[in-house]
N, C-alpha and C. Protein backbone atom coordinates (compact mmCIF):
# COMPACT_ATOMS: atom_id res chain seq x y z
N MET A 1 8.18 16.24 -6.66
CA MET A 1 8.62 15.01 -6.84
C MET A 1 8.45 15.45 -8.48
N SER A 2 9.08 14.31 -9.29
CA SER A 2 8.94 14.39 -10.87
C SER A 2 8.61 13.25 -11.07
N ILE A 3 8.08 13.10 -12.35
CA ILE A 3 7.81 11.89 -13.31
C ILE A 3 8.72 10.98 -13.56
N LYS A 4 10.35 11.09 -13.33
CA LYS A 4 11.54 10.29 -13.31
C LYS A 4 11.34 10.02 -12.00
N GLU A 5 11.33 10.42 -10.71
CA GLU A 5 11.29 9.67 -9.55
C GLU A 5 10.18 9.03 -9.45
N LEU A 6 8.93 9.18 -10.02
CA LEU A 6 7.87 8.26 -9.75
C LEU A 6 7.86 7.08 -10.48
N GLN A 7 8.53 6.86 -11.74
CA GLN A 7 9.12 6.12 -12.70
C GLN A 7 10.21 5.11 -11.74
N GLY A 8 10.89 5.74 -11.11
CA GLY A 8 11.99 5.15 -10.76
C GLY A 8 11.59 4.36 -9.14
N ALA A 9 10.43 4.86 -8.65
CA ALA A 9 9.72 4.33 -7.61
C ALA A 9 9.24 3.01 -8.11
N ARG A 10 8.24 3.34 -9.21
CA ARG A 10 7.35 1.83 -9.49
C ARG A 10 8.50 0.99 -9.81
N ALA A 11 9.57 1.17 -10.32
CA ALA A 11 10.56 0.20 -10.82
C ALA A 11 11.30 -0.49 -9.52
N GLU A 12 11.59 0.16 -8.48
CA GLU A 12 12.10 -0.17 -7.41
C GLU A 12 11.11 -0.99 -6.77
N ILE A 13 9.94 -0.57 -6.66
CA ILE A 13 8.88 -1.47 -5.83
C ILE A 13 8.91 -3.12 -6.38
N GLU A 14 8.70 -2.85 -7.89
CA GLU A 14 8.54 -4.12 -8.59
C GLU A 14 9.81 -4.91 -8.43
N LYS A 15 10.82 -4.24 -8.38
CA LYS A 15 12.16 -5.23 -8.52
C LYS A 15 12.27 -5.81 -6.61
N LYS A 16 12.00 -4.99 -5.76
CA LYS A 16 11.70 -5.69 -4.33
C LYS A 16 11.14 -6.54 -4.29
N LEU A 17 9.87 -6.47 -4.78
CA LEU A 17 8.83 -7.63 -4.88
C LEU A 17 9.10 -8.84 -5.41
N ARG A 18 9.65 -8.58 -6.66
CA ARG A 18 10.19 -10.12 -7.28
C ARG A 18 11.44 -10.48 -6.60
N GLN A 19 12.50 -9.65 -6.00
CA GLN A 19 13.59 -10.20 -5.34
C GLN A 19 13.07 -11.16 -4.05
N TYR A 20 12.18 -10.71 -3.11
CA TYR A 20 11.86 -11.32 -1.87
C TYR A 20 10.64 -12.74 -2.26
N THR A 21 9.80 -12.52 -3.14
CA THR A 21 8.93 -13.37 -3.46
C THR A 21 9.15 -14.49 -4.26
N GLY A 22 10.26 -14.18 -5.18
CA GLY A 22 10.86 -14.93 -6.17
C GLY A 22 10.09 -15.37 -7.13
N LYS A 23 9.11 -14.54 -7.42
CA LYS A 23 7.96 -14.58 -8.66
C LYS A 23 7.78 -13.38 -9.79
N ALA A 24 7.57 -13.73 -10.64
CA ALA A 24 7.52 -12.27 -11.72
C ALA A 24 6.43 -11.61 -11.40
N VAL A 25 6.45 -11.03 -10.13
CA VAL A 25 5.57 -9.86 -9.83
C VAL A 25 5.57 -8.69 -11.16
N PHE A 26 4.64 -8.45 -11.27
CA PHE A 26 4.71 -7.07 -12.51
C PHE A 26 3.65 -5.76 -11.74
N LEU A 27 4.57 -4.78 -11.53
CA LEU A 27 3.60 -3.82 -11.19
C LEU A 27 3.66 -2.99 -12.16
N SER A 28 2.18 -2.87 -12.59
CA SER A 28 1.68 -2.15 -13.56
C SER A 28 1.46 -0.63 -13.76
N GLU A 29 1.46 -0.22 -12.49
CA GLU A 29 1.26 0.96 -12.62
C GLU A 29 1.31 1.74 -11.06
N LEU A 30 1.96 3.05 -10.71
CA LEU A 30 2.01 3.45 -9.28
C LEU A 30 1.50 5.05 -9.51
N ASP A 31 0.44 5.33 -8.75
CA ASP A 31 -0.35 6.45 -8.56
C ASP A 31 -0.31 7.20 -7.24
N VAL A 32 0.11 8.58 -7.55
CA VAL A 32 0.00 9.37 -6.34
C VAL A 32 -1.42 9.94 -6.57
N PHE A 33 -2.18 9.89 -5.34
CA PHE A 33 -3.54 10.57 -5.52
C PHE A 33 -3.69 11.43 -4.24
N ALA A 34 -4.91 12.23 -4.26
CA ALA A 34 -5.47 13.12 -3.32
C ALA A 34 -6.60 12.86 -3.83
N LEU A 35 -7.52 12.62 -2.62
CA LEU A 35 -9.01 12.25 -2.88
C LEU A 35 -9.74 13.65 -1.99
N ALA A 36 -11.10 13.52 -2.41
CA ALA A 36 -11.84 14.92 -2.34
C ALA A 36 -11.98 14.60 -0.77
N CYS A 37 -12.14 13.88 0.13
CA CYS A 37 -12.24 14.06 1.20
C CYS A 37 -11.19 14.00 2.20
N GLY A 38 -9.88 14.16 1.79
CA GLY A 38 -8.60 14.86 2.09
C GLY A 38 -7.77 13.53 2.33
N CYS A 39 -7.98 12.46 2.19
CA CYS A 39 -6.97 11.40 2.13
C CYS A 39 -5.95 11.53 1.13
N ASN A 40 -4.70 11.38 1.14
CA ASN A 40 -3.84 11.46 -0.06
C ASN A 40 -2.83 10.19 0.20
N GLY A 41 -1.93 9.88 -1.05
CA GLY A 41 -1.21 8.42 -0.87
C GLY A 41 -0.64 8.08 -1.99
N ILE A 42 -0.22 6.65 -2.35
CA ILE A 42 -0.05 6.16 -3.46
C ILE A 42 -0.59 4.90 -3.18
N THR A 43 -0.82 4.23 -4.60
CA THR A 43 -1.31 3.20 -5.13
C THR A 43 -0.43 2.41 -5.84
N ALA A 44 -0.07 1.17 -5.44
CA ALA A 44 0.57 0.42 -6.52
C ALA A 44 -0.29 -0.61 -7.26
N ASN A 45 -0.62 -0.74 -8.62
CA ASN A 45 -1.22 -1.84 -8.89
C ASN A 45 -0.19 -2.97 -9.41
N VAL A 46 -0.77 -4.18 -8.63
CA VAL A 46 0.24 -5.28 -9.03
C VAL A 46 -0.66 -6.52 -9.51
N ARG A 47 0.14 -7.19 -10.41
CA ARG A 47 -0.23 -8.62 -10.45
C ARG A 47 0.89 -9.93 -10.07
N GLY A 48 0.38 -11.06 -9.99
CA GLY A 48 1.29 -12.01 -9.76
C GLY A 48 1.54 -12.02 -8.00
N LEU A 49 0.97 -11.46 -7.07
CA LEU A 49 1.29 -11.44 -5.67
C LEU A 49 0.36 -11.93 -5.16
N SER A 50 0.58 -12.71 -4.13
CA SER A 50 -0.63 -13.29 -3.21
C SER A 50 -0.57 -12.66 -1.98
N ILE A 51 -1.85 -13.29 -0.91
CA ILE A 51 -1.90 -12.38 0.04
C ILE A 51 -0.90 -13.19 0.87
N ASP A 52 -0.63 -14.43 0.49
CA ASP A 52 0.48 -14.88 1.51
C ASP A 52 2.01 -14.39 1.25
N ASP A 53 2.11 -14.33 0.07
CA ASP A 53 3.69 -13.43 0.10
C ASP A 53 3.65 -12.29 1.00
N VAL A 54 2.39 -11.36 1.01
CA VAL A 54 2.45 -10.29 1.74
C VAL A 54 2.20 -10.50 3.16
N ASP A 55 1.95 -11.42 3.36
CA ASP A 55 1.97 -11.78 4.70
C ASP A 55 3.21 -12.50 5.43
N VAL A 56 3.84 -13.00 4.35
CA VAL A 56 5.14 -13.88 5.07
C VAL A 56 6.18 -12.63 4.66
N PHE A 57 6.26 -11.58 3.88
CA PHE A 57 7.27 -10.88 3.78
C PHE A 57 6.60 -9.45 4.51
N LYS A 58 5.71 -9.38 5.27
CA LYS A 58 4.93 -8.12 5.66
C LYS A 58 6.09 -6.94 6.15
N ASP A 59 6.81 -7.29 7.17
CA ASP A 59 7.70 -6.64 7.35
C ASP A 59 8.58 -6.02 6.73
N VAL A 60 9.54 -6.59 5.53
CA VAL A 60 10.14 -6.16 4.40
C VAL A 60 9.50 -5.04 3.62
N PHE A 61 8.00 -5.71 3.39
CA PHE A 61 7.33 -4.79 2.40
C PHE A 61 6.90 -3.53 2.99
N VAL A 62 6.49 -3.53 4.23
CA VAL A 62 6.49 -2.42 5.13
C VAL A 62 7.45 -1.41 4.97
N SER A 63 8.44 -1.66 5.30
CA SER A 63 9.53 -1.15 5.40
C SER A 63 9.79 -0.18 4.25
N HIS A 64 10.16 -1.21 2.95
CA HIS A 64 10.21 -0.86 1.93
C HIS A 64 9.40 0.09 1.11
N PHE A 65 8.17 -0.13 1.55
CA PHE A 65 7.13 0.86 0.97
C PHE A 65 7.02 2.27 1.58
N ALA A 66 7.19 2.27 2.92
CA ALA A 66 7.24 3.50 3.60
C ALA A 66 8.49 4.11 3.24
N SER A 67 9.73 3.68 2.91
CA SER A 67 10.73 4.37 2.32
C SER A 67 10.17 5.02 0.88
N ILE A 68 9.44 4.35 0.15
CA ILE A 68 9.37 4.85 -0.92
C ILE A 68 8.30 5.99 -0.87
N CYS A 69 7.52 5.79 0.35
CA CYS A 69 6.60 6.89 0.26
C CYS A 69 7.34 8.22 0.94
N GLU A 70 8.31 8.07 1.53
CA GLU A 70 9.29 9.06 2.06
C GLU A 70 9.61 9.93 0.78
N MET A 71 9.91 9.28 0.24
CA MET A 71 10.71 9.49 -1.12
C MET A 71 9.97 10.39 -2.03
N LEU A 72 8.70 9.84 -2.20
CA LEU A 72 7.32 10.94 -2.82
C LEU A 72 6.59 11.82 -2.09
N ASP A 73 7.31 12.11 -0.84
CA ASP A 73 6.74 13.16 0.02
C ASP A 73 5.10 12.46 0.50
N VAL A 74 4.89 11.45 0.86
CA VAL A 74 3.94 10.75 1.18
C VAL A 74 3.83 10.44 2.67
N GLU A 75 3.25 10.87 3.57
CA GLU A 75 3.17 10.36 5.18
C GLU A 75 2.22 8.85 5.00
N PRO A 76 2.62 7.86 5.33
CA PRO A 76 2.11 6.78 5.16
C PRO A 76 1.57 6.58 7.02
N THR A 77 0.27 6.65 6.65
CA THR A 77 -0.40 6.36 8.10
C THR A 77 -1.01 5.09 8.52
N PHE A 78 -1.11 4.49 6.93
CA PHE A 78 -2.33 3.50 6.89
C PHE A 78 -1.75 2.53 5.51
N LEU A 79 -1.13 1.33 5.75
CA LEU A 79 -0.73 0.77 4.60
C LEU A 79 -1.39 -0.76 4.17
N PHE A 80 -1.63 -0.93 3.31
CA PHE A 80 -2.80 -2.41 3.33
C PHE A 80 -2.58 -2.34 2.02
N ALA A 81 -2.72 -4.08 1.59
CA ALA A 81 -2.99 -4.65 0.57
C ALA A 81 -4.51 -4.81 0.03
N ARG A 82 -4.91 -4.41 -0.94
CA ARG A 82 -6.27 -4.60 -1.62
C ARG A 82 -6.45 -5.68 -2.32
N LEU A 83 -7.36 -7.00 -1.84
CA LEU A 83 -7.38 -8.04 -2.55
C LEU A 83 -8.42 -8.29 -3.60
N ILE A 84 -8.15 -8.75 -4.56
CA ILE A 84 -9.18 -9.03 -5.80
C ILE A 84 -10.27 -9.84 -5.07
N PRO A 85 -11.52 -9.53 -5.10
CA PRO A 85 -12.62 -10.24 -4.24
C PRO A 85 -12.80 -11.57 -4.39
N ALA A 86 -13.02 -12.51 -3.52
CA ALA A 86 -13.13 -14.01 -3.53
C ALA A 86 -12.07 -14.85 -3.96
N THR A 87 -10.96 -13.91 -3.94
CA THR A 87 -9.29 -14.48 -4.14
C THR A 87 -8.30 -14.16 -3.22
N ASN A 88 -7.02 -15.10 -3.36
CA ASN A 88 -5.94 -14.93 -2.31
C ASN A 88 -5.34 -13.73 -3.30
N GLU A 89 -5.65 -13.37 -4.35
CA GLU A 89 -4.66 -12.37 -5.11
C GLU A 89 -4.54 -11.03 -4.72
N VAL A 90 -3.39 -10.14 -4.56
CA VAL A 90 -3.60 -8.80 -4.42
C VAL A 90 -3.42 -7.87 -5.66
N ALA A 91 -4.60 -6.78 -5.58
CA ALA A 91 -4.76 -6.18 -6.43
C ALA A 91 -3.74 -4.95 -6.62
N ALA A 92 -3.63 -4.58 -5.26
CA ALA A 92 -2.74 -3.09 -5.31
C ALA A 92 -2.33 -3.41 -3.65
N LEU A 93 -1.33 -2.50 -3.32
CA LEU A 93 -0.74 -2.13 -2.51
C LEU A 93 -0.89 -1.04 -2.19
N ASN A 94 -1.27 -0.19 -0.99
CA ASN A 94 -1.66 1.25 -1.09
C ASN A 94 -0.81 1.76 0.57
N ALA A 95 -0.59 2.83 0.02
CA ALA A 95 -0.18 3.67 1.54
C ALA A 95 -1.00 5.10 1.75
N ARG A 96 -1.81 4.98 2.56
CA ARG A 96 -2.77 6.04 2.70
C ARG A 96 -2.41 6.80 3.86
N ASN A 97 -2.65 8.35 3.52
CA ASN A 97 -2.48 9.44 4.81
C ASN A 97 -3.96 9.45 5.15
N LEU A 98 -4.76 8.94 6.07
CA LEU A 98 -6.13 9.21 6.26
C LEU A 98 -6.67 10.49 6.71
N CYS A 99 -7.74 11.01 6.08
CA CYS A 99 -8.19 12.49 6.66
C CYS A 99 -9.42 11.81 7.99
N ASP A 100 -9.63 12.52 8.71
CA ASP A 100 -10.55 12.22 9.73
C ASP A 100 -11.26 11.35 9.75
N LYS A 101 -12.73 11.76 8.58
CA LYS A 101 -13.61 11.31 8.14
C LYS A 101 -13.35 9.69 8.41
N CYS A 102 -12.48 9.08 7.14
CA CYS A 102 -12.05 7.88 7.16
C CYS A 102 -11.12 7.23 7.84
N TYR A 103 -10.24 8.02 8.80
CA TYR A 103 -9.84 7.60 9.92
C TYR A 103 -11.03 6.80 10.96
N VAL A 104 -12.07 7.52 11.19
CA VAL A 104 -13.02 7.01 12.24
C VAL A 104 -13.50 5.75 11.49
N GLU A 105 -13.71 6.05 10.03
CA GLU A 105 -14.30 4.87 9.32
C GLU A 105 -13.80 3.68 9.54
N LEU A 106 -12.13 3.67 9.39
CA LEU A 106 -11.35 2.54 9.09
C LEU A 106 -10.86 2.31 10.46
N VAL A 107 -10.87 2.96 11.59
CA VAL A 107 -10.19 2.70 12.78
C VAL A 107 -11.37 2.74 14.02
N GLY A 108 -11.90 3.72 13.93
CA GLY A 108 -13.23 3.92 14.83
C GLY A 108 -12.40 4.69 16.16
N GLU A 109 -13.60 4.83 16.75
CA GLU A 109 -13.22 5.73 18.02
C GLU A 109 -12.17 5.05 18.90
N LYS A 110 -12.16 4.10 19.31
CA LYS A 110 -11.44 3.45 20.25
C LYS A 110 -9.89 2.74 19.57
N GLY A 111 -9.45 2.99 18.25
CA GLY A 111 -8.36 3.07 17.69
C GLY A 111 -7.87 1.51 17.59
N GLN A 112 -9.08 0.42 16.83
CA GLN A 112 -8.94 -0.64 16.51
C GLN A 112 -9.56 -0.61 15.10
N VAL A 113 -8.28 -1.07 14.31
CA VAL A 113 -8.57 -1.14 12.93
C VAL A 113 -9.96 -2.30 12.64
N ARG A 114 -10.69 -1.44 11.62
CA ARG A 114 -11.84 -2.35 11.42
C ARG A 114 -11.81 -2.33 9.74
N PRO A 115 -11.20 -3.22 9.31
CA PRO A 115 -10.90 -3.03 7.58
C PRO A 115 -12.16 -3.73 6.77
N ARG A 116 -12.31 -3.18 5.84
CA ARG A 116 -13.00 -3.75 4.68
C ARG A 116 -12.60 -5.25 4.23
N PRO A 117 -13.53 -6.14 3.99
CA PRO A 117 -13.05 -7.27 4.00
C PRO A 117 -12.20 -7.75 2.66
N ASP A 118 -12.12 -6.74 1.35
CA ASP A 118 -10.87 -6.56 0.69
C ASP A 118 -9.74 -5.95 0.96
N MET A 119 -9.66 -6.09 2.44
CA MET A 119 -8.29 -4.91 2.80
C MET A 119 -7.40 -6.36 3.88
N PHE A 120 -6.11 -6.17 3.57
CA PHE A 120 -5.23 -6.76 4.61
C PHE A 120 -4.25 -5.67 4.97
N VAL A 121 -4.51 -5.39 6.35
CA VAL A 121 -3.76 -4.17 6.88
C VAL A 121 -2.33 -4.61 6.97
N LEU A 122 -1.27 -3.66 6.52
CA LEU A 122 -0.04 -4.06 6.89
C LEU A 122 0.53 -3.29 7.91
N HIS A 123 0.22 -1.92 7.89
CA HIS A 123 0.50 -0.99 8.95
C HIS A 123 -0.48 -0.08 9.31
N PHE A 124 -0.58 0.46 10.74
CA PHE A 124 -1.31 1.30 11.05
C PHE A 124 -0.67 2.37 12.15
N LYS A 125 -0.99 3.42 12.15
CA LYS A 125 -0.16 4.50 12.95
C LYS A 125 -1.34 5.08 13.72
N LYS A 126 -1.37 4.81 15.10
CA LYS A 126 -2.60 5.49 15.82
C LYS A 126 -2.25 6.99 16.02
N ARG A 127 -3.26 7.87 15.86
CA ARG A 127 -3.19 9.17 16.21
C ARG A 127 -3.14 9.71 17.67
């Protein structure tokens, strides 16, 4: 993956968010990360997007975000929107390939997602 691919992916995500919501959504940053625990993925920091927008266009967002992940060589097993606390506003869209520890923490032994209060789960792939 090159920086040009990452810049193109950032622009493409922003374009799609604006196209579907009809709002002036701003994607300030697209990060690729690898955490010490073993999780890896991408985070798209956004402004101007509400949880209602994400809920209404959930299938479109999941499909498009997953295709961007593929392009960036990220396997998205857990997609979620992170909310600004005590608001309806989305701070970031995340695609994460969960490590074993985080899988158990967020999903549990029975395979039922137990997200934190600041998470709105878009997609989850059971193991």
